[in-house]
Amino acid sequence: MKSIVEVILRLAAQCRYRWSRLISMLREQVLHYSTNCYRFLLSATRALQDERGDVPGWVLVVLMTTGLVTGIWTLAAPRIDSILRNSLDSMNNIR
């Protein structure tokens, strides 16, 4: 018959084995994720360094938008003015 001490020592050894296995698994996972994060950040940094931007394209978009707004405003200004005046006049009549 086994003594209590032998049983406790055997259980402690099993627990140590399980804990050491768990710790090694956690280390592997942390290493795996940190490696993947490093690779992602490295590729993102390289992609951003390679990006020079499209300044002429943005300037063209801004100029075209400004031209469209100015053109529409020029054509619609009299009508917008009359709508605004009618609205304000009708608000004055409410008082």
PDB file of N, CA and C in Angstrom:
ATOM      1  N   MET A   1       0.839  -1.175   0.000  1.00  0.00           N
ATOM      2  CA  MET A   1       0.000   0.000   0.000  1.00  0.00           C
ATOM      3  C   MET A   1       0.885   1.240   0.000  1.00  0.00           C
ATOM      4  N   LYS A   2       0.451   2.211  -0.795  1.00  0.00           N
ATOM      5  CA  LYS A   2       1.245   3.428  -0.924  1.00  0.00           C
ATOM      6  C   LYS A   2       0.968   4.357   0.241  1.00  0.00           C
ATOM      7  N   SER A   3       1.987   5.027   0.595  1.00  0.00           N
ATOM      8  CA  SER A   3       1.813   5.984   1.687  1.00  0.00           C
ATOM      9  C   SER A   3       1.225   7.282   1.159  1.00  0.00           C
ATOM     10  N   ILE A   4       0.730   8.043   2.053  1.00  0.00           N
ATOM     11  CA  ILE A   4       0.133   9.336   1.709  1.00  0.00           C
ATOM     12  C   ILE A   4       1.179  10.241   1.072  1.00  0.00           C
ATOM     13  N   VAL A   5       2.387  10.177   1.551  1.00  0.00           N
ATOM     14  CA  VAL A   5       3.465  11.025   1.037  1.00  0.00           C
ATOM     15  C   VAL A   5       3.734  10.691  -0.426  1.00  0.00           C
ATOM     16  N   GLU A   6       3.773   9.396  -0.751  1.00  0.00           N
ATOM     17  CA  GLU A   6       4.015   9.003  -2.142  1.00  0.00           C
ATOM     18  C   GLU A   6       2.900   9.493  -3.058  1.00  0.00           C
ATOM     19  N   VAL A   7       1.684   9.396  -2.613  1.00  0.00           N
ATOM     20  CA  VAL A   7       0.544   9.856  -3.404  1.00  0.00           C
ATOM     21  C   VAL A   7       0.620  11.366  -3.621  1.00  0.00           C
ATOM     22  N   ILE A   8       0.941  12.092  -2.576  1.00  0.00           N
ATOM     23  CA  ILE A   8       1.045  13.556  -2.680  1.00  0.00           C
ATOM     24  C   ILE A   8       2.183  13.947  -3.602  1.00  0.00           C
ATOM     25  N   LEU A   9       3.321  13.249  -3.492  1.00  0.00           N
ATOM     26  CA  LEU A   9       4.450  13.559  -4.368  1.00  0.00           C
ATOM     27  C   LEU A   9       4.114  13.267  -5.827  1.00  0.00           C
ATOM     28  N   ARG A  10       3.411  12.165  -6.065  1.00  0.00           N
ATOM     29  CA  ARG A  10       3.025  11.830  -7.432  1.00  0.00           C
ATOM     30  C   ARG A  10       2.067  12.881  -8.002  1.00  0.00           C
ATOM     31  N   LEU A  11       1.083  13.298  -7.208  1.00  0.00           N
ATOM     32  CA  LEU A  11       0.141  14.330  -7.650  1.00  0.00           C
ATOM     33  C   LEU A  11       0.857  15.662  -7.897  1.00  0.00           C
ATOM     34  N   ALA A  12       1.799  15.979  -7.027  1.00  0.00           N
ATOM     35  CA  ALA A  12       2.552  17.226  -7.204  1.00  0.00           C
ATOM     36  C   ALA A  12       3.364  17.173  -8.489  1.00  0.00           C
ATOM     37  N   ALA A  13       3.960  16.020  -8.786  1.00  0.00           N
ATOM     38  CA  ALA A  13       4.733  15.879 -10.023  1.00  0.00           C
ATOM     39  C   ALA A  13       3.825  16.038 -11.242  1.00  0.00           C
ATOM     40  N   GLN A  14       2.635  15.462 -11.194  1.00  0.00           N
ATOM     41  CA  GLN A  14       1.698  15.600 -12.301  1.00  0.00           C
ATOM     42  C   GLN A  14       1.279  17.064 -12.475  1.00  0.00           C
ATOM     43  N   CYS A  15       1.033  17.733 -11.364  1.00  0.00           N
ATOM     44  CA  CYS A  15       0.650  19.144 -11.439  1.00  0.00           C
ATOM     45  C   CYS A  15       1.786  19.983 -12.010  1.00  0.00           C
ATOM     46  N   ARG A  16       3.018  19.703 -11.574  1.00  0.00           N
ATOM     47  CA  ARG A  16       4.158  20.442 -12.119  1.00  0.00           C
ATOM     48  C   ARG A  16       4.283  20.226 -13.612  1.00  0.00           C
ATOM     49  N   TYR A  17       4.091  18.969 -14.040  1.00  0.00           N
ATOM     50  CA  TYR A  17       4.164  18.673 -15.465  1.00  0.00           C
ATOM     51  C   TYR A  17       3.084  19.451 -16.209  1.00  0.00           C
ATOM     52  N   ARG A  18       1.870  19.473 -15.690  1.00  0.00           N
ATOM     53  CA  ARG A  18       0.772  20.186 -16.355  1.00  0.00           C
ATOM     54  C   ARG A  18       1.036  21.684 -16.397  1.00  0.00           C
ATOM     55  N   TRP A  19       1.529  22.220 -15.268  1.00  0.00           N
ATOM     56  CA  TRP A  19       1.814  23.654 -15.251  1.00  0.00           C
ATOM     57  C   TRP A  19       2.941  24.004 -16.208  1.00  0.00           C
ATOM     58  N   SER A  20       3.981  23.194 -16.232  1.00  0.00           N
ATOM     59  CA  SER A  20       5.097  23.490 -17.128  1.00  0.00           C
ATOM     60  C   SER A  20       4.651  23.378 -18.580  1.00  0.00           C
ATOM     61  N   ARG A  21       3.776  22.402 -18.868  1.00  0.00           N
ATOM     62  CA  ARG A  21       3.248  22.271 -20.235  1.00  0.00           C
ATOM     63  C   ARG A  21       2.381  23.470 -20.581  1.00  0.00           C
ATOM     64  N   LEU A  22       1.550  23.898 -19.651  1.00  0.00           N
ATOM     65  CA  LEU A  22       0.698  25.057 -19.878  1.00  0.00           C
ATOM     66  C   LEU A  22       1.531  26.311 -20.108  1.00  0.00           C
ATOM     67  N   ILE A  23       2.565  26.488 -19.297  1.00  0.00           N
ATOM     68  CA  ILE A  23       3.426  27.664 -19.452  1.00  0.00           C
ATOM     69  C   ILE A  23       4.148  27.626 -20.790  1.00  0.00           C
ATOM     70  N   SER A  24       4.629  26.471 -21.199  1.00  0.00           N
ATOM     71  CA  SER A  24       5.313  26.388 -22.495  1.00  0.00           C
ATOM     72  C   SER A  24       4.333  26.647 -23.638  1.00  0.00           C
ATOM     73  N   MET A  25       3.095  26.180 -23.514  1.00  0.00           N
ATOM     74  CA  MET A  25       2.091  26.455 -24.551  1.00  0.00           C
ATOM     75  C   MET A  25       1.793  27.954 -24.623  1.00  0.00           C
ATOM     76  N   LEU A  26       1.682  28.588 -23.454  1.00  0.00           N
ATOM     77  CA  LEU A  26       1.441  30.023 -23.439  1.00  0.00           C
ATOM     78  C   LEU A  26       2.601  30.793 -24.060  1.00  0.00           C
ATOM     79  N   ARG A  27       3.820  30.383 -23.762  1.00  0.00           N
ATOM     80  CA  ARG A  27       4.996  31.020 -24.358  1.00  0.00           C
ATOM     81  C   ARG A  27       4.963  30.901 -25.875  1.00  0.00           C
ATOM     82  N   GLU A  28       4.613  29.725 -26.371  1.00  0.00           N
ATOM     83  CA  GLU A  28       4.542  29.522 -27.814  1.00  0.00           C
ATOM     84  C   GLU A  28       3.493  30.434 -28.446  1.00  0.00           C
ATOM     85  N   GLN A  29       2.338  30.547 -27.793  1.00  0.00           N
ATOM     86  CA  GLN A  29       1.279  31.394 -28.332  1.00  0.00           C
ATOM     87  C   GLN A  29       1.686  32.869 -28.329  1.00  0.00           C
ATOM     88  N   VAL A  30       2.285  33.311 -27.240  1.00  0.00           N
ATOM     89  CA  VAL A  30       2.730  34.704 -27.166  1.00  0.00           C
ATOM     90  C   VAL A  30       3.777  34.982 -28.229  1.00  0.00           C
ATOM     91  N   LEU A  31       4.707  34.066 -28.394  1.00  0.00           N
ATOM     92  CA  LEU A  31       5.734  34.222 -29.430  1.00  0.00           C
ATOM     93  C   LEU A  31       5.105  34.251 -30.809  1.00  0.00           C
ATOM     94  N   HIS A  32       4.138  33.386 -31.051  1.00  0.00           N
ATOM     95  CA  HIS A  32       3.455  33.335 -32.340  1.00  0.00           C
ATOM     96  C   HIS A  32       2.742  34.657 -32.630  1.00  0.00           C
ATOM     97  N   TYR A  33       1.967  35.150 -31.667  1.00  0.00           N
ATOM     98  CA  TYR A  33       1.218  36.384 -31.878  1.00  0.00           C
ATOM     99  C   TYR A  33       2.132  37.588 -31.978  1.00  0.00           C
ATOM    100  N   SER A  34       3.176  37.635 -31.159  1.00  0.00           N
ATOM    101  CA  SER A  34       4.085  38.776 -31.241  1.00  0.00           C
ATOM    102  C   SER A  34       4.830  38.777 -32.569  1.00  0.00           C
ATOM    103  N   THR A  35       5.177  37.596 -33.084  1.00  0.00           N
ATOM    104  CA  THR A  35       5.825  37.515 -34.388  1.00  0.00           C
ATOM    105  C   THR A  35       4.876  38.000 -35.483  1.00  0.00           C
ATOM    106  N   ASN A  36       3.609  37.580 -35.409  1.00  0.00           N
ATOM    107  CA  ASN A  36       2.643  38.022 -36.401  1.00  0.00           C
ATOM    108  C   ASN A  36       2.412  39.530 -36.326  1.00  0.00           C
ATOM    109  N   CYS A  37       2.339  40.078 -35.111  1.00  0.00           N
ATOM    110  CA  CYS A  37       2.169  41.524 -34.959  1.00  0.00           C
ATOM    111  C   CYS A  37       3.369  42.266 -35.528  1.00  0.00           C
ATOM    112  N   TYR A  38       4.555  41.766 -35.257  1.00  0.00           N
ATOM    113  CA  TYR A  38       5.755  42.397 -35.787  1.00  0.00           C
ATOM    114  C   TYR A  38       5.748  42.364 -37.312  1.00  0.00           C
ATOM    115  N   ARG A  39       5.389  41.225 -37.889  1.00  0.00           N
ATOM    116  CA  ARG A  39       5.343  41.129 -39.356  1.00  0.00           C
ATOM    117  C   ARG A  39       4.321  42.085 -39.943  1.00  0.00           C
ATOM    118  N   PHE A  40       3.149  42.188 -39.291  1.00  0.00           N
ATOM    119  CA  PHE A  40       2.122  43.102 -39.781  1.00  0.00           C
ATOM    120  C   PHE A  40       2.601  44.543 -39.723  1.00  0.00           C
ATOM    121  N   LEU A  41       3.189  44.940 -38.584  1.00  0.00           N
ATOM    122  CA  LEU A  41       3.668  46.311 -38.454  1.00  0.00           C
ATOM    123  C   LEU A  41       4.794  46.610 -39.438  1.00  0.00           C
ATOM    124  N   LEU A  42       5.646  45.643 -39.667  1.00  0.00           N
ATOM    125  CA  LEU A  42       6.733  45.827 -40.622  1.00  0.00           C
ATOM    126  C   LEU A  42       6.191  46.012 -42.034  1.00  0.00           C
ATOM    127  N   SER A  43       5.218  45.190 -42.425  1.00  0.00           N
ATOM    128  CA  SER A  43       4.653  45.329 -43.770  1.00  0.00           C
ATOM    129  C   SER A  43       3.866  46.626 -43.906  1.00  0.00           C
ATOM    130  N   ALA A  44       3.162  47.036 -42.846  1.00  0.00           N
ATOM    131  CA  ALA A  44       2.417  48.301 -42.898  1.00  0.00           C
ATOM    132  C   ALA A  44       3.370  49.481 -43.000  1.00  0.00           C
ATOM    133  N   THR A  45       4.480  49.419 -42.276  1.00  0.00           N
ATOM    134  CA  THR A  45       5.470  50.494 -42.346  1.00  0.00           C
ATOM    135  C   THR A  45       6.075  50.582 -43.735  1.00  0.00           C
ATOM    136  N   ARG A  46       6.387  49.443 -44.316  1.00  0.00           N
ATOM    137  CA  ARG A  46       6.943  49.446 -45.678  1.00  0.00           C
ATOM    138  C   ARG A  46       5.936  49.982 -46.680  1.00  0.00           C
ATOM    139  N   ALA A  47       4.680  49.616 -46.521  1.00  0.00           N
ATOM    140  CA  ALA A  47       3.650  50.093 -47.435  1.00  0.00           C
ATOM    141  C   ALA A  47       3.482  51.604 -47.327  1.00  0.00           C
ATOM    142  N   LEU A  48       3.539  52.125 -46.103  1.00  0.00           N
ATOM    143  CA  LEU A  48       3.401  53.569 -45.922  1.00  0.00           C
ATOM    144  C   LEU A  48       4.623  54.320 -46.440  1.00  0.00           C
ATOM    145  N   GLN A  49       5.782  53.724 -46.329  1.00  0.00           N
ATOM    146  CA  GLN A  49       6.977  54.375 -46.840  1.00  0.00           C
ATOM    147  C   GLN A  49       6.960  54.416 -48.364  1.00  0.00           C
ATOM    148  N   ASP A  50       6.383  53.395 -48.994  1.00  0.00           N
ATOM    149  CA  ASP A  50       6.330  53.357 -50.446  1.00  0.00           C
ATOM    150  C   ASP A  50       5.270  54.305 -51.007  1.00  0.00           C
ATOM    151  N   GLU A  51       4.283  54.674 -50.187  1.00  0.00           N
ATOM    152  CA  GLU A  51       3.195  55.535 -50.638  1.00  0.00           C
ATOM    153  C   GLU A  51       3.681  56.976 -50.738  1.00  0.00           C
ATOM    154  N   ARG A  52       3.660  57.505 -51.927  1.00  0.00           N
ATOM    155  CA  ARG A  52       4.103  58.879 -52.136  1.00  0.00           C
ATOM    156  C   ARG A  52       2.924  59.843 -52.200  1.00  0.00           C
ATOM    157  N   GLY A  53       1.748  59.335 -52.387  1.00  0.00           N
ATOM    158  CA  GLY A  53       0.574  60.193 -52.455  1.00  0.00           C
ATOM    159  C   GLY A  53       0.303  60.654 -53.873  1.00  0.00           C
ATOM    160  N   ASP A  54      -0.892  61.157 -54.078  1.00  0.00           N
ATOM    161  CA  ASP A  54      -1.302  61.613 -55.399  1.00  0.00           C
ATOM    162  C   ASP A  54      -1.731  63.068 -55.281  1.00  0.00           C
ATOM    163  N   VAL A  55      -0.756  63.960 -55.070  1.00  0.00           N
ATOM    164  CA  VAL A  55      -1.054  65.370 -54.854  1.00  0.00           C
ATOM    165  C   VAL A  55      -1.732  65.995 -56.067  1.00  0.00           C
ATOM    166  N   PRO A  56      -1.253  65.794 -57.296  1.00  0.00           N
ATOM    167  CA  PRO A  56      -1.948  66.409 -58.439  1.00  0.00           C
ATOM    168  C   PRO A  56      -3.401  65.952 -58.555  1.00  0.00           C
ATOM    169  N   GLY A  57      -3.682  64.697 -58.223  1.00  0.00           N
ATOM    170  CA  GLY A  57      -5.056  64.211 -58.274  1.00  0.00           C
ATOM    171  C   GLY A  57      -5.938  64.916 -57.259  1.00  0.00           C
ATOM    172  N   TRP A  58      -5.433  65.100 -56.041  1.00  0.00           N
ATOM    173  CA  TRP A  58      -6.224  65.787 -55.017  1.00  0.00           C
ATOM    174  C   TRP A  58      -6.423  67.246 -55.365  1.00  0.00           C
ATOM    175  N   VAL A  59      -5.403  67.881 -55.920  1.00  0.00           N
ATOM    176  CA  VAL A  59      -5.538  69.282 -56.331  1.00  0.00           C
ATOM    177  C   VAL A  59      -6.599  69.399 -57.417  1.00  0.00           C
ATOM    178  N   LEU A  60      -6.601  68.465 -58.344  1.00  0.00           N
ATOM    179  CA  LEU A  60      -7.595  68.476 -59.413  1.00  0.00           C
ATOM    180  C   LEU A  60      -9.002  68.285 -58.856  1.00  0.00           C
ATOM    181  N   VAL A  61      -9.171  67.384 -57.912  1.00  0.00           N
ATOM    182  CA  VAL A  61     -10.490  67.154 -57.306  1.00  0.00           C
ATOM    183  C   VAL A  61     -10.965  68.416 -56.581  1.00  0.00           C
ATOM    184  N   VAL A  62     -10.077  69.057 -55.833  1.00  0.00           N
ATOM    185  CA  VAL A  62     -10.454  70.269 -55.102  1.00  0.00           C
ATOM    186  C   VAL A  62     -10.827  71.384 -56.069  1.00  0.00           C
ATOM    187  N   LEU A  63     -10.047  71.562 -57.102  1.00  0.00           N
ATOM    188  CA  LEU A  63     -10.344  72.620 -58.078  1.00  0.00           C
ATOM    189  C   LEU A  63     -11.653  72.354 -58.820  1.00  0.00           C
ATOM    190  N   MET A  64     -11.892  71.111 -59.192  1.00  0.00           N
ATOM    191  CA  MET A  64     -13.138  70.793 -59.890  1.00  0.00           C
ATOM    192  C   MET A  64     -14.341  70.990 -58.973  1.00  0.00           C
ATOM    193  N   THR A  65     -14.218  70.587 -57.732  1.00  0.00           N
ATOM    194  CA  THR A  65     -15.322  70.778 -56.784  1.00  0.00           C
ATOM    195  C   THR A  65     -15.596  72.260 -56.571  1.00  0.00           C
ATOM    196  N   THR A  66     -14.536  73.036 -56.415  1.00  0.00           N
ATOM    197  CA  THR A  66     -14.699  74.484 -56.249  1.00  0.00           C
ATOM    198  C   THR A  66     -15.371  75.101 -57.468  1.00  0.00           C
ATOM    199  N   GLY A  67     -14.953  74.661 -58.656  1.00  0.00           N
ATOM    200  CA  GLY A  67     -15.572  75.172 -59.886  1.00  0.00           C
ATOM    201  C   GLY A  67     -17.046  74.815 -59.978  1.00  0.00           C
ATOM    202  N   LEU A  68     -17.394  73.571 -59.633  1.00  0.00           N
ATOM    203  CA  LEU A  68     -18.800  73.161 -59.673  1.00  0.00           C
ATOM    204  C   LEU A  68     -19.649  73.948 -58.680  1.00  0.00           C
ATOM    205  N   VAL A  69     -19.163  74.103 -57.459  1.00  0.00           N
ATOM    206  CA  VAL A  69     -19.911  74.853 -56.450  1.00  0.00           C
ATOM    207  C   VAL A  69     -20.084  76.309 -56.882  1.00  0.00           C
ATOM    208  N   THR A  70     -19.035  76.908 -57.412  1.00  0.00           N
ATOM    209  CA  THR A  70     -19.122  78.295 -57.866  1.00  0.00           C
ATOM    210  C   THR A  70     -20.111  78.433 -59.012  1.00  0.00           C
ATOM    211  N   GLY A  71     -20.057  77.493 -59.970  1.00  0.00           N
ATOM    212  CA  GLY A  71     -20.989  77.544 -61.101  1.00  0.00           C
ATOM    213  C   GLY A  71     -22.437  77.367 -60.669  1.00  0.00           C
ATOM    214  N   ILE A  72     -22.697  76.390 -59.818  1.00  0.00           N
ATOM    215  CA  ILE A  72     -24.067  76.159 -59.350  1.00  0.00           C
ATOM    216  C   ILE A  72     -24.544  77.341 -58.516  1.00  0.00           C
ATOM    217  N   TRP A  73     -23.663  77.868 -57.676  1.00  0.00           N
ATOM    218  CA  TRP A  73     -24.043  79.010 -56.846  1.00  0.00           C
ATOM    219  C   TRP A  73     -24.385  80.223 -57.714  1.00  0.00           C
ATOM    220  N   THR A  74     -23.622  80.438 -58.773  1.00  0.00           N
ATOM    221  CA  THR A  74     -23.872  81.577 -59.669  1.00  0.00           C
ATOM    222  C   THR A  74     -25.236  81.440 -60.333  1.00  0.00           C
ATOM    223  N   LEU A  75     -25.572  80.241 -60.780  1.00  0.00           N
ATOM    224  CA  LEU A  75     -26.859  80.031 -61.442  1.00  0.00           C
ATOM    225  C   LEU A  75     -28.025  80.057 -60.459  1.00  0.00           C
ATOM    226  N   ALA A  76     -27.821  79.558 -59.270  1.00  0.00           N
ATOM    227  CA  ALA A  76     -28.920  79.408 -58.319  1.00  0.00           C
ATOM    228  C   ALA A  76     -29.020  80.553 -57.320  1.00  0.00           C
ATOM    229  N   ALA A  77     -28.093  81.500 -57.329  1.00  0.00           N
ATOM    230  CA  ALA A  77     -28.077  82.567 -56.329  1.00  0.00           C
ATOM    231  C   ALA A  77     -29.369  83.388 -56.316  1.00  0.00           C
ATOM    232  N   PRO A  78     -29.894  83.811 -57.472  1.00  0.00           N
ATOM    233  CA  PRO A  78     -31.138  84.595 -57.401  1.00  0.00           C
ATOM    234  C   PRO A  78     -32.302  83.810 -56.794  1.00  0.00           C
ATOM    235  N   ARG A  79     -32.432  82.566 -57.145  1.00  0.00           N
ATOM    236  CA  ARG A  79     -33.527  81.746 -56.609  1.00  0.00           C
ATOM    237  C   ARG A  79     -33.342  81.504 -55.111  1.00  0.00           C
ATOM    238  N   ILE A  80     -32.127  81.226 -54.675  1.00  0.00           N
ATOM    239  CA  ILE A  80     -31.847  81.019 -53.250  1.00  0.00           C
ATOM    240  C   ILE A  80     -32.130  82.305 -52.478  1.00  0.00           C
ATOM    241  N   ASP A  81     -31.755  83.440 -53.057  1.00  0.00           N
ATOM    242  CA  ASP A  81     -32.003  84.733 -52.422  1.00  0.00           C
ATOM    243  C   ASP A  81     -33.504  84.973 -52.240  1.00  0.00           C
ATOM    244  N   SER A  82     -34.297  84.685 -53.276  1.00  0.00           N
ATOM    245  CA  SER A  82     -35.743  84.900 -53.166  1.00  0.00           C
ATOM    246  C   SER A  82     -36.382  83.931 -52.159  1.00  0.00           C
ATOM    247  N   ILE A  83     -35.928  82.690 -52.122  1.00  0.00           N
ATOM    248  CA  ILE A  83     -36.459  81.726 -51.145  1.00  0.00           C
ATOM    249  C   ILE A  83     -36.152  82.187 -49.727  1.00  0.00           C
ATOM    250  N   LEU A  84     -34.921  82.638 -49.492  1.00  0.00           N
ATOM    251  CA  LEU A  84     -34.526  83.097 -48.169  1.00  0.00           C
ATOM    252  C   LEU A  84     -35.319  84.329 -47.751  1.00  0.00           C
ATOM    253  N   ARG A  85     -35.490  85.291 -48.675  1.00  0.00           N
ATOM    254  CA  ARG A  85     -36.249  86.516 -48.354  1.00  0.00           C
ATOM    255  C   ARG A  85     -37.711  86.186 -48.046  1.00  0.00           C
ATOM    256  N   ASN A  86     -38.317  85.288 -48.857  1.00  0.00           N
ATOM    257  CA  ASN A  86     -39.709  84.910 -48.612  1.00  0.00           C
ATOM    258  C   ASN A  86     -39.865  84.226 -47.255  1.00  0.00           C
ATOM    259  N   SER A  87     -38.919  83.393 -46.905  1.00  0.00           N
ATOM    260  CA  SER A  87     -38.981  82.698 -45.611  1.00  0.00           C
ATOM    261  C   SER A  87     -38.864  83.684 -44.459  1.00  0.00           C
ATOM    262  N   LEU A  88     -37.930  84.614 -44.567  1.00  0.00           N
ATOM    263  CA  LEU A  88     -37.754  85.602 -43.496  1.00  0.00           C
ATOM    264  C   LEU A  88     -38.957  86.540 -43.399  1.00  0.00           C
ATOM    265  N   ASP A  89     -39.500  86.925 -44.555  1.00  0.00           N
ATOM    266  CA  ASP A  89     -40.698  87.788 -44.540  1.00  0.00           C
ATOM    267  C   ASP A  89     -41.883  87.072 -43.904  1.00  0.00           C
ATOM    268  N   SER A  90     -42.054  85.785 -44.205  1.00  0.00           N
ATOM    269  CA  SER A  90     -43.154  85.059 -43.615  1.00  0.00           C
ATOM    270  C   SER A  90     -42.967  84.877 -42.111  1.00  0.00           C
ATOM    271  N   MET A  91     -41.727  84.786 -41.652  1.00  0.00           N
ATOM    272  CA  MET A  91     -41.465  84.707 -40.214  1.00  0.00           C
ATOM    273  C   MET A  91     -41.786  86.031 -39.543  1.00  0.00           C
ATOM    274  N   ASN A  92     -41.527  87.153 -40.222  1.00  0.00           N
ATOM    275  CA  ASN A  92     -41.852  88.469 -39.670  1.00  0.00           C
ATOM    276  C   ASN A  92     -43.352  88.646 -39.557  1.00  0.00           C
ATOM    277  N   ASN A  93     -44.121  88.092 -40.468  1.00  0.00           N
ATOM    278  CA  ASN A  93     -45.577  88.215 -40.434  1.00  0.00           C
ATOM    279  C   ASN A  93     -46.202  87.400 -39.310  1.00  0.00           C
ATOM    280  N   ILE A  94     -45.484  86.392 -38.795  1.00  0.00           N
ATOM    281  CA  ILE A  94     -46.029  85.549 -37.730  1.00  0.00           C
ATOM    282  C   ILE A  94     -46.113  86.339 -36.430  1.00  0.00           C
ATOM    283  N   ARG A  95     -45.180  87.233 -36.212  1.00  0.00           N
ATOM    284  CA  ARG A  95     -45.152  87.976 -34.953  1.00  0.00           C
ATOM    285  C   ARG A  95     -46.312  88.859 -34.886  1.00  0.00           C
TER     286      ARG A  95
END
